[in-house]
PDB file of N, CA and C in Angstrom:
ATOM      1  N   MET A   1      12.870  -0.485 -22.516  1.00  0.00           N
ATOM      2  CA  MET A   1      12.601  -0.328 -21.407  1.00  0.00           C
ATOM      3  C   MET A   1      10.476  -0.337 -21.436  1.00  0.00           C
ATOM      4  N   GLN A   2      10.499  -1.192 -20.454  1.00  0.00           N
ATOM      5  CA  GLN A   2       9.084  -1.764 -20.775  1.00  0.00           C
ATOM      6  C   GLN A   2       8.247  -1.115 -19.180  1.00  0.00           C
ATOM      7  N   SER A   3       7.030  -0.541 -19.565  1.00  0.00           N
ATOM      8  CA  SER A   3       6.556  -0.045 -18.246  1.00  0.00           C
ATOM      9  C   SER A   3       5.587  -0.741 -17.239  1.00  0.00           C
ATOM     10  N   GLU A   4       5.261  -0.223 -16.521  1.00  0.00           N
ATOM     11  CA  GLU A   4       4.964  -1.574 -15.206  1.00  0.00           C
ATOM     12  C   GLU A   4       3.611  -1.994 -15.883  1.00  0.00           C
ATOM     13  N   SER A   5       2.688  -1.668 -16.460  1.00  0.00           N
ATOM     14  CA  SER A   5       1.621  -1.579 -17.161  1.00  0.00           C
ATOM     15  C   SER A   5       1.914  -3.256 -18.149  1.00  0.00           C
ATOM     16  N   GLU A   6       2.949  -3.535 -18.783  1.00  0.00           N
ATOM     17  CA  GLU A   6       3.282  -4.142 -19.638  1.00  0.00           C
ATOM     18  C   GLU A   6       3.325  -5.562 -18.733  1.00  0.00           C
ATOM     19  N   TYR A   7       3.543  -6.839 -19.764  1.00  0.00           N
ATOM     20  CA  TYR A   7       3.595  -8.083 -19.084  1.00  0.00           C
ATOM     21  C   TYR A   7       4.129  -9.072 -19.780  1.00  0.00           C
ATOM     22  N   GLU A   8       5.452  -9.337 -19.329  1.00  0.00           N
ATOM     23  CA  GLU A   8       5.951  -9.701 -19.566  1.00  0.00           C
ATOM     24  C   GLU A   8       5.758 -11.852 -19.523  1.00  0.00           C
ATOM     25  N   LEU A   9       5.798 -12.776 -20.715  1.00  0.00           N
ATOM     26  CA  LEU A   9       5.529 -13.852 -20.493  1.00  0.00           C
ATOM     27  C   LEU A   9       6.698 -14.668 -20.548  1.00  0.00           C
ATOM     28  N   LYS A  10       6.585 -15.366 -19.540  1.00  0.00           N
ATOM     29  CA  LYS A  10       7.541 -16.705 -19.572  1.00  0.00           C
ATOM     30  C   LYS A  10       6.914 -17.819 -18.825  1.00  0.00           C
ATOM     31  N   THR A  11       7.111 -19.073 -19.681  1.00  0.00           N
ATOM     32  CA  THR A  11       6.680 -20.337 -18.977  1.00  0.00           C
ATOM     33  C   THR A  11       7.938 -21.247 -18.108  1.00  0.00           C
ATOM     34  N   VAL A  12       7.241 -21.575 -17.054  1.00  0.00           N
ATOM     35  CA  VAL A  12       8.142 -22.064 -16.261  1.00  0.00           C
ATOM     36  C   VAL A  12       7.472 -24.099 -15.968  1.00  0.00           C
ATOM     37  N   LYS A  13       8.056 -24.637 -15.642  1.00  0.00           N
ATOM     38  CA  LYS A  13       7.809 -26.106 -15.109  1.00  0.00           C
ATOM     39  C   LYS A  13       7.832 -26.328 -13.724  1.00  0.00           C
ATOM     40  N   VAL A  14       6.535 -27.004 -13.546  1.00  0.00           N
ATOM     41  CA  VAL A  14       5.990 -27.203 -12.062  1.00  0.00           C
ATOM     42  C   VAL A  14       6.924 -28.516 -11.773  1.00  0.00           C
ATOM     43  N   SER A  15       7.860 -28.575 -10.755  1.00  0.00           N
ATOM     44  CA  SER A  15       8.375 -29.846 -10.236  1.00  0.00           C
ATOM     45  C   SER A  15       7.569 -31.080  -9.476  1.00  0.00           C
ATOM     46  N   GLU A  16       8.212 -31.953  -9.459  1.00  0.00           N
ATOM     47  CA  GLU A  16       7.306 -33.317  -8.821  1.00  0.00           C
ATOM     48  C   GLU A  16       6.821 -32.539  -6.912  1.00  0.00           C
ATOM     49  N   LYS A  17       7.750 -31.031  -7.010  1.00  0.00           N
ATOM     50  CA  LYS A  17       6.934 -31.120  -5.473  1.00  0.00           C
ATOM     51  C   LYS A  17       6.264 -29.836  -5.217  1.00  0.00           C
ATOM     52  N   CYS A  18       5.810 -29.408  -6.464  1.00  0.00           N
ATOM     53  CA  CYS A  18       4.955 -28.439  -6.807  1.00  0.00           C
ATOM     54  C   CYS A  18       5.972 -26.972  -6.784  1.00  0.00           C
ATOM     55  N   GLN A  19       7.253 -27.274  -7.291  1.00  0.00           N
ATOM     56  CA  GLN A  19       7.784 -25.871  -6.910  1.00  0.00           C
ATOM     57  C   GLN A  19       8.088 -25.012  -8.462  1.00  0.00           C
ATOM     58  N   ILE A  20       8.194 -23.931  -8.573  1.00  0.00           N
ATOM     59  CA  ILE A  20       9.402 -23.608  -9.774  1.00  0.00           C
ATOM     60  C   ILE A  20       9.867 -22.738  -9.902  1.00  0.00           C
ATOM     61  N   THR A  21      10.877 -22.591 -10.849  1.00  0.00           N
ATOM     62  CA  THR A  21      11.874 -21.645 -10.331  1.00  0.00           C
ATOM     63  C   THR A  21      11.157 -20.125 -11.408  1.00  0.00           C
ATOM     64  N   ILE A  22      11.981 -19.476 -10.699  1.00  0.00           N
ATOM     65  CA  ILE A  22      11.660 -18.111 -11.661  1.00  0.00           C
ATOM     66  C   ILE A  22      12.763 -17.763 -12.241  1.00  0.00           C
ATOM     67  N   PRO A  23      12.393 -17.407 -13.523  1.00  0.00           N
ATOM     68  CA  PRO A  23      13.472 -17.341 -14.292  1.00  0.00           C
ATOM     69  C   PRO A  23      14.879 -16.351 -13.791  1.00  0.00           C
ATOM     70  N   SER A  24      15.935 -16.636 -14.168  1.00  0.00           N
ATOM     71  CA  SER A  24      16.594 -15.948 -13.829  1.00  0.00           C
ATOM     72  C   SER A  24      16.716 -14.003 -14.689  1.00  0.00           C
ATOM     73  N   ASP A  25      16.416 -13.714 -15.456  1.00  0.00           N
ATOM     74  CA  ASP A  25      16.012 -12.627 -16.108  1.00  0.00           C
ATOM     75  C   ASP A  25      14.958 -11.779 -15.161  1.00  0.00           C
ATOM     76  N   ILE A  26      14.017 -12.626 -14.855  1.00  0.00           N
ATOM     77  CA  ILE A  26      13.072 -11.948 -14.195  1.00  0.00           C
ATOM     78  C   ILE A  26      13.802 -11.724 -12.657  1.00  0.00           C
ATOM     79  N   GLN A  27      14.266 -12.267 -12.040  1.00  0.00           N
ATOM     80  CA  GLN A  27      15.174 -12.146 -10.643  1.00  0.00           C
ATOM     81  C   GLN A  27      15.939 -11.027 -10.603  1.00  0.00           C
ATOM     82  N   LYS A  28      16.456 -10.716 -11.801  1.00  0.00           N
ATOM     83  CA  LYS A  28      17.376  -9.852 -11.554  1.00  0.00           C
ATOM     84  C   LYS A  28      16.962  -8.387 -12.046  1.00  0.00           C
ATOM     85  N   LYS A  29      15.246  -8.295 -12.453  1.00  0.00           N
ATOM     86  CA  LYS A  29      14.582  -7.031 -12.642  1.00  0.00           C
ATOM     87  C   LYS A  29      14.416  -6.849 -11.705  1.00  0.00           C
ATOM     88  N   THR A  30      13.551  -8.004 -10.793  1.00  0.00           N
ATOM     89  CA  THR A  30      13.051  -7.965  -8.935  1.00  0.00           C
ATOM     90  C   THR A  30      13.869  -7.929  -8.630  1.00  0.00           C
ATOM     91  N   GLY A  31      14.685  -8.116  -8.408  1.00  0.00           N
ATOM     92  CA  GLY A  31      15.926  -7.964  -7.450  1.00  0.00           C
ATOM     93  C   GLY A  31      15.770  -9.215  -6.306  1.00  0.00           C
ATOM     94  N   ILE A  32      15.247 -10.081  -6.857  1.00  0.00           N
ATOM     95  CA  ILE A  32      14.471 -10.860  -5.757  1.00  0.00           C
ATOM     96  C   ILE A  32      16.301 -12.094  -5.811  1.00  0.00           C
ATOM     97  N   LYS A  33      16.430 -12.209  -4.610  1.00  0.00           N
ATOM     98  CA  LYS A  33      17.865 -13.394  -4.192  1.00  0.00           C
ATOM     99  C   LYS A  33      17.420 -14.485  -3.721  1.00  0.00           C
ATOM    100  N   LYS A  34      18.591 -15.331  -3.518  1.00  0.00           N
ATOM    101  CA  LYS A  34      18.269 -16.823  -2.750  1.00  0.00           C
ATOM    102  C   LYS A  34      18.002 -16.003  -1.268  1.00  0.00           C
ATOM    103  N   GLY A  35      16.951 -16.580  -0.705  1.00  0.00           N
ATOM    104  CA  GLY A  35      16.476 -16.369   0.505  1.00  0.00           C
ATOM    105  C   GLY A  35      15.919 -15.309   1.180  1.00  0.00           C
ATOM    106  N   ASP A  36      15.285 -14.707  -0.478  1.00  0.00           N
ATOM    107  CA  ASP A  36      14.092 -13.863   0.266  1.00  0.00           C
ATOM    108  C   ASP A  36      12.701 -14.543   0.257  1.00  0.00           C
ATOM    109  N   LYS A  37      11.826 -13.766   0.880  1.00  0.00           N
ATOM    110  CA  LYS A  37      11.291 -13.927   1.467  1.00  0.00           C
ATOM    111  C   LYS A  37       9.724 -13.246   0.697  1.00  0.00           C
ATOM    112  N   LEU A  38       8.950 -14.045  -0.319  1.00  0.00           N
ATOM    113  CA  LEU A  38       7.751 -13.353  -1.019  1.00  0.00           C
ATOM    114  C   LEU A  38       6.523 -14.318  -0.306  1.00  0.00           C
ATOM    115  N   PHE A  39       5.561 -12.861  -0.800  1.00  0.00           N
ATOM    116  CA  PHE A  39       4.135 -12.915  -0.619  1.00  0.00           C
ATOM    117  C   PHE A  39       3.412 -13.825  -2.080  1.00  0.00           C
ATOM    118  N   ILE A  40       2.206 -14.385  -1.956  1.00  0.00           N
ATOM    119  CA  ILE A  40       2.019 -14.952  -2.841  1.00  0.00           C
ATOM    120  C   ILE A  40       0.323 -15.021  -3.055  1.00  0.00           C
ATOM    121  N   PHE A  41      -0.274 -14.302  -3.859  1.00  0.00           N
ATOM    122  CA  PHE A  41      -1.916 -13.564  -3.564  1.00  0.00           C
ATOM    123  C   PHE A  41      -2.422 -13.859  -4.538  1.00  0.00           C
ATOM    124  N   LEU A  42      -3.713 -14.964  -4.352  1.00  0.00           N
ATOM    125  CA  LEU A  42      -4.527 -15.771  -5.526  1.00  0.00           C
ATOM    126  C   LEU A  42      -5.783 -14.943  -5.431  1.00  0.00           C
ATOM    127  N   ARG A  43      -5.770 -14.298  -6.906  1.00  0.00           N
ATOM    128  CA  ARG A  43      -7.005 -13.610  -7.192  1.00  0.00           C
ATOM    129  C   ARG A  43      -7.542 -14.321  -8.133  1.00  0.00           C
ATOM    130  N   GLU A  44      -8.863 -14.457  -8.453  1.00  0.00           N
ATOM    131  CA  GLU A  44     -10.001 -14.848  -9.474  1.00  0.00           C
ATOM    132  C   GLU A  44      -8.966 -16.201 -10.186  1.00  0.00           C
ATOM    133  N   ASN A  45      -8.228 -17.053  -9.120  1.00  0.00           N
ATOM    134  CA  ASN A  45      -7.233 -17.675  -9.793  1.00  0.00           C
ATOM    135  C   ASN A  45      -6.226 -17.765 -10.897  1.00  0.00           C
ATOM    136  N   LYS A  46      -5.655 -16.260 -10.493  1.00  0.00           N
ATOM    137  CA  LYS A  46      -3.881 -15.691 -10.595  1.00  0.00           C
ATOM    138  C   LYS A  46      -3.681 -15.261  -9.828  1.00  0.00           C
ATOM    139  N   ILE A  47      -2.210 -15.929 -10.038  1.00  0.00           N
ATOM    140  CA  ILE A  47      -1.392 -16.020  -8.649  1.00  0.00           C
ATOM    141  C   ILE A  47      -0.230 -14.789  -9.217  1.00  0.00           C
ATOM    142  N   LEU A  48      -0.137 -14.003  -8.122  1.00  0.00           N
ATOM    143  CA  LEU A  48       0.955 -12.905  -8.579  1.00  0.00           C
ATOM    144  C   LEU A  48       1.652 -12.878  -6.948  1.00  0.00           C
ATOM    145  N   LEU A  49       3.299 -12.894  -7.081  1.00  0.00           N
ATOM    146  CA  LEU A  49       4.300 -13.373  -5.890  1.00  0.00           C
ATOM    147  C   LEU A  49       4.671 -11.345  -5.660  1.00  0.00           C
ATOM    148  N   GLU A  50       4.928 -10.952  -5.025  1.00  0.00           N
ATOM    149  CA  GLU A  50       5.523  -9.782  -4.255  1.00  0.00           C
ATOM    150  C   GLU A  50       6.691  -9.752  -3.640  1.00  0.00           C
ATOM    151  N   LYS A  51       7.886  -9.353  -3.326  1.00  0.00           N
ATOM    152  CA  LYS A  51       8.888  -9.348  -2.341  1.00  0.00           C
ATOM    153  C   LYS A  51       8.301  -8.424  -0.938  1.00  0.00           C
ATOM    154  N   GLU A  52       8.737  -9.333   0.201  1.00  0.00           N
ATOM    155  CA  GLU A  52       8.053  -8.889   1.391  1.00  0.00           C
ATOM    156  C   GLU A  52       8.519  -7.596   1.780  1.00  0.00           C
ATOM    157  N   ASP A  53       9.998  -7.162   1.365  1.00  0.00           N
ATOM    158  CA  ASP A  53      10.082  -6.008   1.458  1.00  0.00           C
ATOM    159  C   ASP A  53       8.934  -5.033   1.163  1.00  0.00           C
ATOM    160  N   LYS A  54       9.266  -5.068  -0.769  1.00  0.00           N
ATOM    161  CA  LYS A  54       8.777  -4.134  -1.434  1.00  0.00           C
ATOM    162  C   LYS A  54       7.215  -3.987  -1.117  1.00  0.00           C
ATOM    163  N   PHE A  55       6.508  -5.338  -0.661  1.00  0.00           N
ATOM    164  CA  PHE A  55       4.918  -4.969   0.082  1.00  0.00           C
ATOM    165  C   PHE A  55       4.691  -4.543   0.978  1.00  0.00           C
ATOM    166  N   VAL A  56       5.858  -4.722   2.676  1.00  0.00           N
ATOM    167  CA  VAL A  56       5.376  -4.231   3.486  1.00  0.00           C
ATOM    168  C   VAL A  56       6.365  -2.423   3.235  1.00  0.00           C
ATOM    169  N   SER A  57       7.201  -2.015   2.065  1.00  0.00           N
ATOM    170  CA  SER A  57       7.168  -0.725   2.446  1.00  0.00           C
ATOM    171  C   SER A  57       6.023   0.055   1.387  1.00  0.00           C
ATOM    172  N   GLN A  58       5.547  -0.509   0.705  1.00  0.00           N
ATOM    173  CA  GLN A  58       4.131  -0.390  -0.082  1.00  0.00           C
ATOM    174  C   GLN A  58       2.966   0.320   0.791  1.00  0.00           C
ATOM    175  N   ILE A  59       2.812  -0.923   1.560  1.00  0.00           N
ATOM    176  CA  ILE A  59       1.897  -0.735   2.639  1.00  0.00           C
ATOM    177  C   ILE A  59       1.985   0.409   3.460  1.00  0.00           C
ATOM    178  N   ASN A  60       3.106   0.707   3.902  1.00  0.00           N
ATOM    179  CA  ASN A  60       3.326   1.256   5.205  1.00  0.00           C
ATOM    180  C   ASN A  60       3.539   2.819   4.330  1.00  0.00           C
ATOM    181  N   ASP A  61       3.652   3.357   2.794  1.00  0.00           N
ATOM    182  CA  ASP A  61       3.620   4.256   2.227  1.00  0.00           C
ATOM    183  C   ASP A  61       2.106   4.712   2.571  1.00  0.00           C
ATOM    184  N   ASP A  62       1.302   3.442   2.299  1.00  0.00           N
ATOM    185  CA  ASP A  62      -0.077   3.718   1.779  1.00  0.00           C
ATOM    186  C   ASP A  62      -0.741   4.194   2.820  1.00  0.00           C
ATOM    187  N   PHE A  63      -0.433   3.462   3.571  1.00  0.00           N
ATOM    188  CA  PHE A  63      -1.300   4.336   5.694  1.00  0.00           C
ATOM    189  C   PHE A  63      -0.408   5.196   5.814  1.00  0.00           C
ATOM    190  N   LYS A  64       0.420   5.810   5.832  1.00  0.00           N
ATOM    191  CA  LYS A  64       1.508   6.590   6.127  1.00  0.00           C
ATOM    192  C   LYS A  64       0.305   8.072   7.209  1.00  0.00           C
ATOM    193  N   ASP A  65      -0.121   8.362   6.210  1.00  0.00           N
ATOM    194  CA  ASP A  65      -1.359   9.276   6.131  1.00  0.00           C
ATOM    195  C   ASP A  65      -2.063   9.245   7.649  1.00  0.00           C
ATOM    196  N   MET A  66      -2.992   7.747   7.347  1.00  0.00           N
ATOM    197  CA  MET A  66      -3.573   7.342   8.139  1.00  0.00           C
ATOM    198  C   MET A  66      -3.203   6.660   9.840  1.00  0.00           C
ATOM    199  N   LYS A  67      -1.961   6.733   9.584  1.00  0.00           N
ATOM    200  CA  LYS A  67      -1.159   6.611  11.167  1.00  0.00           C
ATOM    201  C   LYS A  67      -0.935   7.912  11.289  1.00  0.00           C
ATOM    202  N   ALA A  68      -0.423   8.359  10.785  1.00  0.00           N
ATOM    203  CA  ALA A  68       0.149   9.968  11.420  1.00  0.00           C
ATOM    204  C   ALA A  68      -1.578  10.589  12.037  1.00  0.00           C
ATOM    205  N   SER A  69      -2.677  10.616  10.928  1.00  0.00           N
ATOM    206  CA  SER A  69      -3.545  11.216  11.826  1.00  0.00           C
ATOM    207  C   SER A  69      -3.804  10.370  12.993  1.00  0.00           C
ATOM    208  N   ALA A  70      -3.998   9.308  12.741  1.00  0.00           N
ATOM    209  CA  ALA A  70      -4.567   8.625  14.113  1.00  0.00           C
ATOM    210  C   ALA A  70      -3.969   8.935  15.373  1.00  0.00           C
ATOM    211  N   GLU A  71      -2.603   8.923  15.202  1.00  0.00           N
ATOM    212  CA  GLU A  71      -1.344   9.210  15.946  1.00  0.00           C
ATOM    213  C   GLU A  71      -1.702  10.468  16.134  1.00  0.00           C
ATOM    214  N   TYR A  72      -2.214  11.823  15.897  1.00  0.00           N
ATOM    215  CA  TYR A  72      -2.560  13.092  16.401  1.00  0.00           C
ATOM    216  C   TYR A  72      -3.806  13.258  16.791  1.00  0.00           C
ATOM    217  N   SER A  73      -4.616  12.141  16.468  1.00  0.00           N
ATOM    218  CA  SER A  73      -6.214  12.096  17.450  1.00  0.00           C
ATOM    219  C   SER A  73      -6.022  11.248  18.421  1.00  0.00           C
ATOM    220  N   LEU A  74      -5.258  10.431  18.382  1.00  0.00           N
ATOM    221  CA  LEU A  74      -4.605   9.434  20.257  1.00  0.00           C
ATOM    222  C   LEU A  74      -4.055  10.295  20.922  1.00  0.00           C
ATOM    223  N   LYS A  75      -3.480  11.272  20.661  1.00  0.00           N
ATOM    224  CA  LYS A  75      -2.323  12.013  21.620  1.00  0.00           C
ATOM    225  C   LYS A  75      -3.378  12.671  22.663  1.00  0.00           C
ATOM    226  N   LYS A  76      -4.642  12.705  22.146  1.00  0.00           N
ATOM    227  CA  LYS A  76      -5.389  13.693  23.081  1.00  0.00           C
ATOM    228  C   LYS A  76      -6.276  12.888  24.539  1.00  0.00           C
ATOM    229  N   PHE A  77      -6.334  11.467  24.242  1.00  0.00           N
ATOM    230  CA  PHE A  77      -6.385  10.341  25.231  1.00  0.00           C
ATOM    231  C   PHE A  77      -4.775  10.041  25.602  1.00  0.00           C
ATOM    232  N   TRP A  78      -4.430   9.997  25.257  1.00  0.00           N
ATOM    233  CA  TRP A  78      -2.946   9.548  25.437  1.00  0.00           C
ATOM    234  C   TRP A  78      -2.243  10.442  26.851  1.00  0.00           C
ATOM    235  N   GLN A  79      -2.339  12.108  26.503  1.00  0.00           N
ATOM    236  CA  GLN A  79      -2.039  12.769  27.266  1.00  0.00           C
ATOM    237  C   GLN A  79      -2.557  13.222  28.212  1.00  0.00           C
ATOM    238  N   ASN A  80      -4.417  12.853  28.565  1.00  0.00           N
ATOM    239  CA  ASN A  80      -4.958  13.521  29.602  1.00  0.00           C
ATOM    240  C   ASN A  80      -4.898  12.410  30.725  1.00  0.00           C
ATOM    241  N   GLU A  81      -5.485  12.882  32.014  1.00  0.00           N
ATOM    242  CA  GLU A  81      -4.896  12.563  33.214  1.00  0.00           C
ATOM    243  C   GLU A  81      -5.747  11.239  32.918  1.00  0.00           C
ATOM    244  N   PRO A  82      -5.533  10.243  33.887  1.00  0.00           N
ATOM    245  CA  PRO A  82      -6.584   8.910  33.992  1.00  0.00           C
ATOM    246  C   PRO A  82      -7.647   9.417  34.616  1.00  0.00           C
ATOM    247  N   ASP A  83      -8.586   8.424  34.186  1.00  0.00           N
ATOM    248  CA  ASP A  83     -10.173   9.062  34.341  1.00  0.00           C
ATOM    249  C   ASP A  83     -10.688   7.941  35.179  1.00  0.00           C
ATOM    250  N   GLY A  84     -10.003   6.748  35.524  1.00  0.00           N
ATOM    251  CA  GLY A  84     -10.107   5.793  36.406  1.00  0.00           C
ATOM    252  C   GLY A  84     -11.092   5.067  36.112  1.00  0.00           C
ATOM    253  N   ILE A  85     -11.292   4.706  34.477  1.00  0.00           N
ATOM    254  CA  ILE A  85     -12.118   4.149  33.499  1.00  0.00           C
ATOM    255  C   ILE A  85     -11.680   2.607  33.563  1.00  0.00           C
ATOM    256  N   TRP A  86     -10.551   2.377  33.393  1.00  0.00           N
ATOM    257  CA  TRP A  86      -9.610   1.475  33.446  1.00  0.00           C
ATOM    258  C   TRP A  86      -9.292   0.415  34.768  1.00  0.00           C
ATOM    259  N   GLU A  87      -9.138   1.289  34.999  1.00  0.00           N
ATOM    260  CA  GLU A  87      -8.614   1.173  36.707  1.00  0.00           C
ATOM    261  C   GLU A  87      -9.558  -0.321  36.990  1.00  0.00           C
ATOM    262  N   GLN A  88     -10.784  -0.309  36.708  1.00  0.00           N
ATOM    263  CA  GLN A  88     -11.734  -1.720  36.922  1.00  0.00           C
ATOM    264  C   GLN A  88     -11.468  -2.871  37.018  1.00  0.00           C
ATOM    265  N   TYR A  89     -10.413  -3.128  35.345  1.00  0.00           N
ATOM    266  CA  TYR A  89     -10.055  -4.128  34.396  1.00  0.00           C
ATOM    267  C   TYR A  89      -8.865  -4.383  34.667  1.00  0.00           C
ATOM    268  N   LEU A  90      -8.219  -3.437  35.572  1.00  0.00           N
ATOM    269  CA  LEU A  90      -6.604  -3.881  35.573  1.00  0.00           C
ATOM    270  C   LEU A  90      -6.752  -4.511  36.982  1.00  0.00           C
ATOM    271  N   LYS A  91      -7.279  -4.382  37.980  1.00  0.00           N
ATOM    272  CA  LYS A  91      -7.523  -5.171  39.273  1.00  0.00           C
ATOM    273  C   LYS A  91      -7.493  -6.590  38.804  1.00  0.00           C
TER     274      LYS A  91
END
């Protein structure tokens, strides 16, 4: 079994429409299926593909503490009585 830091090298050919096919063994290992959405990242002329659901899940995990902290902090403002500041803009 490979660790996440190891790389697997495959060669693919770019079609006339600039499309590529992801090799089936990589599709199986990554869980990519027909109709899945992928994010494509370009960094220093290197391309990275990531499944949309995995990326969104990772972002949610990365920011869950920040979200909880922000919600806790903002509750002070949300639970306050109206102070009239915004009424001038809502007319």
